[in-house]
Amino acid sequence: MHRSVKVINDAGLHARPCHAVVRLALEFEASLRVRFAGLDVNGKSILELMTLAAGKGEVLDLEAEGPDAEALLAAIDALIATGFEE
């Protein structure tokens, strides 16, 4: 399953948002891949996510596979849509 999401928080994808994504993603069985600017990383790895360095307004492509993939994508989409609550 695929979904595209736009980063809306002012600081972009820095350590705190990456931690929030990983913490949430680890609650699901499905795998999570995040793509941006030609990079494809494991969405359950904070170090890999931080290499994306996506700024405000950038679009991330998410891909999840597994029994709860749809729920995982919906949860990550909702998290990003809140601006990571920053």
N, C-alpha and C. Protein backbone atom coordinates (compact mmCIF):
# COMPACT_ATOMS: atom_id res chain seq x y z
N MET A 1 0.84 -1.17 0.00
CA MET A 1 0.00 0.00 0.00
C MET A 1 0.89 1.24 0.00
N HIS A 2 0.43 2.26 -0.71
CA HIS A 2 1.20 3.49 -0.85
C HIS A 2 0.37 4.69 -0.41
N ARG A 3 1.06 5.71 0.04
CA ARG A 3 0.42 6.97 0.40
C ARG A 3 1.49 8.06 0.35
N SER A 4 1.10 9.24 -0.12
CA SER A 4 2.00 10.39 -0.11
C SER A 4 1.50 11.37 0.93
N VAL A 5 2.44 11.94 1.68
CA VAL A 5 2.09 12.90 2.74
C VAL A 5 3.02 14.10 2.65
N LYS A 6 2.49 15.27 3.00
CA LYS A 6 3.28 16.50 2.97
C LYS A 6 3.70 16.88 4.38
N VAL A 7 4.97 17.20 4.54
CA VAL A 7 5.50 17.66 5.82
C VAL A 7 5.03 19.10 6.01
N ILE A 8 4.31 19.36 7.13
CA ILE A 8 3.75 20.71 7.32
C ILE A 8 4.36 21.46 8.50
N ASN A 9 5.11 20.79 9.35
CA ASN A 9 5.69 21.50 10.49
C ASN A 9 6.87 22.35 10.03
N ASP A 10 7.09 23.46 10.70
CA ASP A 10 8.11 24.43 10.29
C ASP A 10 9.52 23.86 10.25
N ALA A 11 9.86 23.01 11.18
CA ALA A 11 11.24 22.50 11.28
C ALA A 11 11.49 21.28 10.39
N GLY A 12 10.46 20.74 9.77
CA GLY A 12 10.65 19.59 8.89
C GLY A 12 10.91 18.31 9.66
N LEU A 13 11.53 17.37 8.97
CA LEU A 13 11.74 16.02 9.52
C LEU A 13 13.07 15.98 10.29
N HIS A 14 13.06 16.49 11.51
CA HIS A 14 14.25 16.47 12.36
C HIS A 14 14.10 15.35 13.39
N ALA A 15 14.93 15.32 14.41
CA ALA A 15 14.99 14.19 15.35
C ALA A 15 13.65 13.89 16.04
N ARG A 16 12.98 14.91 16.57
CA ARG A 16 11.74 14.66 17.30
C ARG A 16 10.65 14.06 16.41
N PRO A 17 10.38 14.61 15.21
CA PRO A 17 9.39 13.98 14.34
C PRO A 17 9.79 12.57 13.91
N CYS A 18 11.07 12.36 13.64
CA CYS A 18 11.53 11.02 13.27
C CYS A 18 11.26 10.04 14.40
N HIS A 19 11.52 10.45 15.63
CA HIS A 19 11.26 9.59 16.79
C HIS A 19 9.76 9.28 16.89
N ALA A 20 8.92 10.28 16.65
CA ALA A 20 7.47 10.07 16.72
C ALA A 20 7.01 9.07 15.66
N VAL A 21 7.55 9.17 14.45
CA VAL A 21 7.19 8.24 13.38
C VAL A 21 7.60 6.82 13.76
N VAL A 22 8.83 6.67 14.21
CA VAL A 22 9.33 5.33 14.56
C VAL A 22 8.53 4.74 15.72
N ARG A 23 8.31 5.55 16.75
CA ARG A 23 7.56 5.06 17.91
C ARG A 23 6.18 4.55 17.49
N LEU A 24 5.51 5.31 16.63
CA LEU A 24 4.19 4.91 16.15
C LEU A 24 4.28 3.69 15.24
N ALA A 25 5.22 3.69 14.32
CA ALA A 25 5.35 2.58 13.36
C ALA A 25 5.63 1.25 14.06
N LEU A 26 6.38 1.29 15.16
CA LEU A 26 6.71 0.06 15.87
C LEU A 26 5.50 -0.58 16.55
N GLU A 27 4.39 0.14 16.62
CA GLU A 27 3.17 -0.43 17.18
C GLU A 27 2.44 -1.35 16.20
N PHE A 28 2.92 -1.38 14.96
CA PHE A 28 2.27 -2.16 13.90
C PHE A 28 3.19 -3.26 13.41
N GLU A 29 2.58 -4.33 12.89
CA GLU A 29 3.34 -5.43 12.32
C GLU A 29 3.91 -5.09 10.96
N ALA A 30 3.19 -4.30 10.19
CA ALA A 30 3.57 -3.98 8.82
C ALA A 30 4.93 -3.30 8.77
N SER A 31 5.62 -3.53 7.67
CA SER A 31 6.88 -2.82 7.42
C SER A 31 6.53 -1.43 6.89
N LEU A 32 7.47 -0.50 7.02
CA LEU A 32 7.25 0.86 6.53
C LEU A 32 8.50 1.33 5.81
N ARG A 33 8.34 1.72 4.56
CA ARG A 33 9.41 2.33 3.77
C ARG A 33 9.03 3.78 3.52
N VAL A 34 9.99 4.68 3.59
CA VAL A 34 9.75 6.09 3.34
C VAL A 34 10.72 6.54 2.26
N ARG A 35 10.18 7.19 1.22
CA ARG A 35 11.00 7.63 0.10
C ARG A 35 10.93 9.15 -0.02
N PHE A 36 12.10 9.74 -0.29
CA PHE A 36 12.18 11.18 -0.52
C PHE A 36 13.50 11.49 -1.22
N ALA A 37 13.45 12.30 -2.24
CA ALA A 37 14.64 12.79 -2.95
C ALA A 37 15.57 11.65 -3.38
N GLY A 38 15.00 10.57 -3.88
CA GLY A 38 15.80 9.46 -4.38
C GLY A 38 16.27 8.49 -3.31
N LEU A 39 15.98 8.78 -2.05
CA LEU A 39 16.36 7.87 -0.96
C LEU A 39 15.17 7.00 -0.58
N ASP A 40 15.43 5.80 -0.16
CA ASP A 40 14.40 4.84 0.26
C ASP A 40 14.89 4.24 1.57
N VAL A 41 14.19 4.57 2.69
CA VAL A 41 14.68 4.16 4.00
C VAL A 41 13.63 3.37 4.78
N ASN A 42 14.10 2.67 5.79
CA ASN A 42 13.25 1.93 6.71
C ASN A 42 12.58 2.93 7.65
N GLY A 43 11.26 2.99 7.62
CA GLY A 43 10.51 3.93 8.46
C GLY A 43 10.48 3.55 9.93
N LYS A 44 11.07 2.42 10.27
CA LYS A 44 11.14 2.01 11.67
C LYS A 44 12.55 2.21 12.24
N SER A 45 13.37 2.97 11.52
CA SER A 45 14.73 3.27 11.95
C SER A 45 14.91 4.78 12.02
N ILE A 46 15.10 5.30 13.22
CA ILE A 46 15.25 6.75 13.38
C ILE A 46 16.48 7.27 12.63
N LEU A 47 17.56 6.53 12.65
CA LEU A 47 18.76 6.98 11.97
C LEU A 47 18.55 7.07 10.46
N GLU A 48 17.87 6.08 9.90
CA GLU A 48 17.61 6.11 8.46
C GLU A 48 16.65 7.24 8.11
N LEU A 49 15.60 7.42 8.92
CA LEU A 49 14.64 8.50 8.65
C LEU A 49 15.31 9.87 8.67
N MET A 50 16.20 10.07 9.61
CA MET A 50 16.85 11.37 9.74
C MET A 50 17.70 11.71 8.52
N THR A 51 18.17 10.72 7.77
CA THR A 51 18.97 10.99 6.58
C THR A 51 18.15 11.66 5.49
N LEU A 52 16.83 11.58 5.57
CA LEU A 52 15.98 12.18 4.53
C LEU A 52 16.02 13.70 4.60
N ALA A 53 16.10 14.26 5.79
CA ALA A 53 16.19 15.72 5.98
C ALA A 53 15.15 16.48 5.17
N ALA A 54 13.92 15.98 5.14
CA ALA A 54 12.84 16.63 4.39
C ALA A 54 12.37 17.88 5.13
N GLY A 55 12.25 18.97 4.41
CA GLY A 55 11.82 20.22 4.99
C GLY A 55 10.33 20.44 4.86
N LYS A 56 9.87 21.55 5.40
CA LYS A 56 8.47 21.92 5.33
C LYS A 56 8.04 22.01 3.86
N GLY A 57 6.87 21.43 3.58
CA GLY A 57 6.33 21.45 2.23
C GLY A 57 6.76 20.30 1.35
N GLU A 58 7.76 19.53 1.80
CA GLU A 58 8.22 18.39 1.01
C GLU A 58 7.23 17.23 1.13
N VAL A 59 7.18 16.40 0.09
CA VAL A 59 6.26 15.26 0.06
C VAL A 59 7.05 13.97 0.26
N LEU A 60 6.61 13.18 1.22
CA LEU A 60 7.19 11.87 1.49
C LEU A 60 6.29 10.80 0.88
N ASP A 61 6.87 9.81 0.27
CA ASP A 61 6.11 8.67 -0.23
C ASP A 61 6.28 7.52 0.76
N LEU A 62 5.16 7.04 1.25
CA LEU A 62 5.15 5.95 2.24
C LEU A 62 4.69 4.67 1.58
N GLU A 63 5.28 3.56 1.98
CA GLU A 63 4.85 2.25 1.52
C GLU A 63 4.85 1.31 2.72
N ALA A 64 3.74 0.62 2.91
CA ALA A 64 3.62 -0.34 4.01
C ALA A 64 3.17 -1.68 3.46
N GLU A 65 3.72 -2.73 4.04
CA GLU A 65 3.33 -4.10 3.67
C GLU A 65 3.13 -4.91 4.93
N GLY A 66 2.03 -5.63 4.99
CA GLY A 66 1.74 -6.47 6.13
C GLY A 66 0.27 -6.43 6.47
N PRO A 67 -0.12 -7.20 7.47
CA PRO A 67 -1.54 -7.35 7.79
C PRO A 67 -2.23 -6.05 8.23
N ASP A 68 -1.50 -5.13 8.81
CA ASP A 68 -2.10 -3.88 9.28
C ASP A 68 -1.52 -2.66 8.54
N ALA A 69 -1.14 -2.89 7.29
CA ALA A 69 -0.50 -1.84 6.49
C ALA A 69 -1.39 -0.61 6.33
N GLU A 70 -2.66 -0.82 6.05
CA GLU A 70 -3.57 0.31 5.85
C GLU A 70 -3.69 1.15 7.13
N ALA A 71 -3.81 0.48 8.26
CA ALA A 71 -3.91 1.19 9.54
C ALA A 71 -2.61 1.94 9.85
N LEU A 72 -1.48 1.34 9.53
CA LEU A 72 -0.19 2.00 9.75
C LEU A 72 -0.09 3.28 8.93
N LEU A 73 -0.43 3.20 7.65
CA LEU A 73 -0.36 4.38 6.80
C LEU A 73 -1.31 5.47 7.28
N ALA A 74 -2.50 5.09 7.70
CA ALA A 74 -3.47 6.07 8.21
C ALA A 74 -2.93 6.75 9.46
N ALA A 75 -2.31 5.98 10.35
CA ALA A 75 -1.78 6.54 11.59
C ALA A 75 -0.62 7.49 11.32
N ILE A 76 0.29 7.11 10.42
CA ILE A 76 1.43 7.97 10.08
C ILE A 76 0.94 9.24 9.39
N ASP A 77 -0.02 9.10 8.49
CA ASP A 77 -0.60 10.25 7.80
C ASP A 77 -1.20 11.22 8.82
N ALA A 78 -1.94 10.70 9.78
CA ALA A 78 -2.56 11.56 10.81
C ALA A 78 -1.50 12.26 11.65
N LEU A 79 -0.44 11.56 12.00
CA LEU A 79 0.66 12.15 12.78
C LEU A 79 1.31 13.30 12.02
N ILE A 80 1.60 13.08 10.76
CA ILE A 80 2.26 14.11 9.96
C ILE A 80 1.31 15.29 9.73
N ALA A 81 0.02 15.00 9.55
CA ALA A 81 -0.98 16.05 9.33
C ALA A 81 -1.13 16.99 10.53
N THR A 82 -0.78 16.52 11.70
CA THR A 82 -0.83 17.39 12.90
C THR A 82 0.44 18.21 13.05
N GLY A 83 1.37 18.06 12.11
CA GLY A 83 2.65 18.76 12.24
C GLY A 83 3.49 18.15 13.34
N PHE A 84 3.28 16.86 13.60
CA PHE A 84 3.98 16.14 14.67
C PHE A 84 3.69 16.76 16.02
N GLU A 85 2.57 17.47 16.10
CA GLU A 85 2.13 18.13 17.32
C GLU A 85 3.18 19.08 17.88
N GLU A 86 3.93 19.71 16.99
CA GLU A 86 4.96 20.67 17.42
C GLU A 86 4.35 22.06 17.51
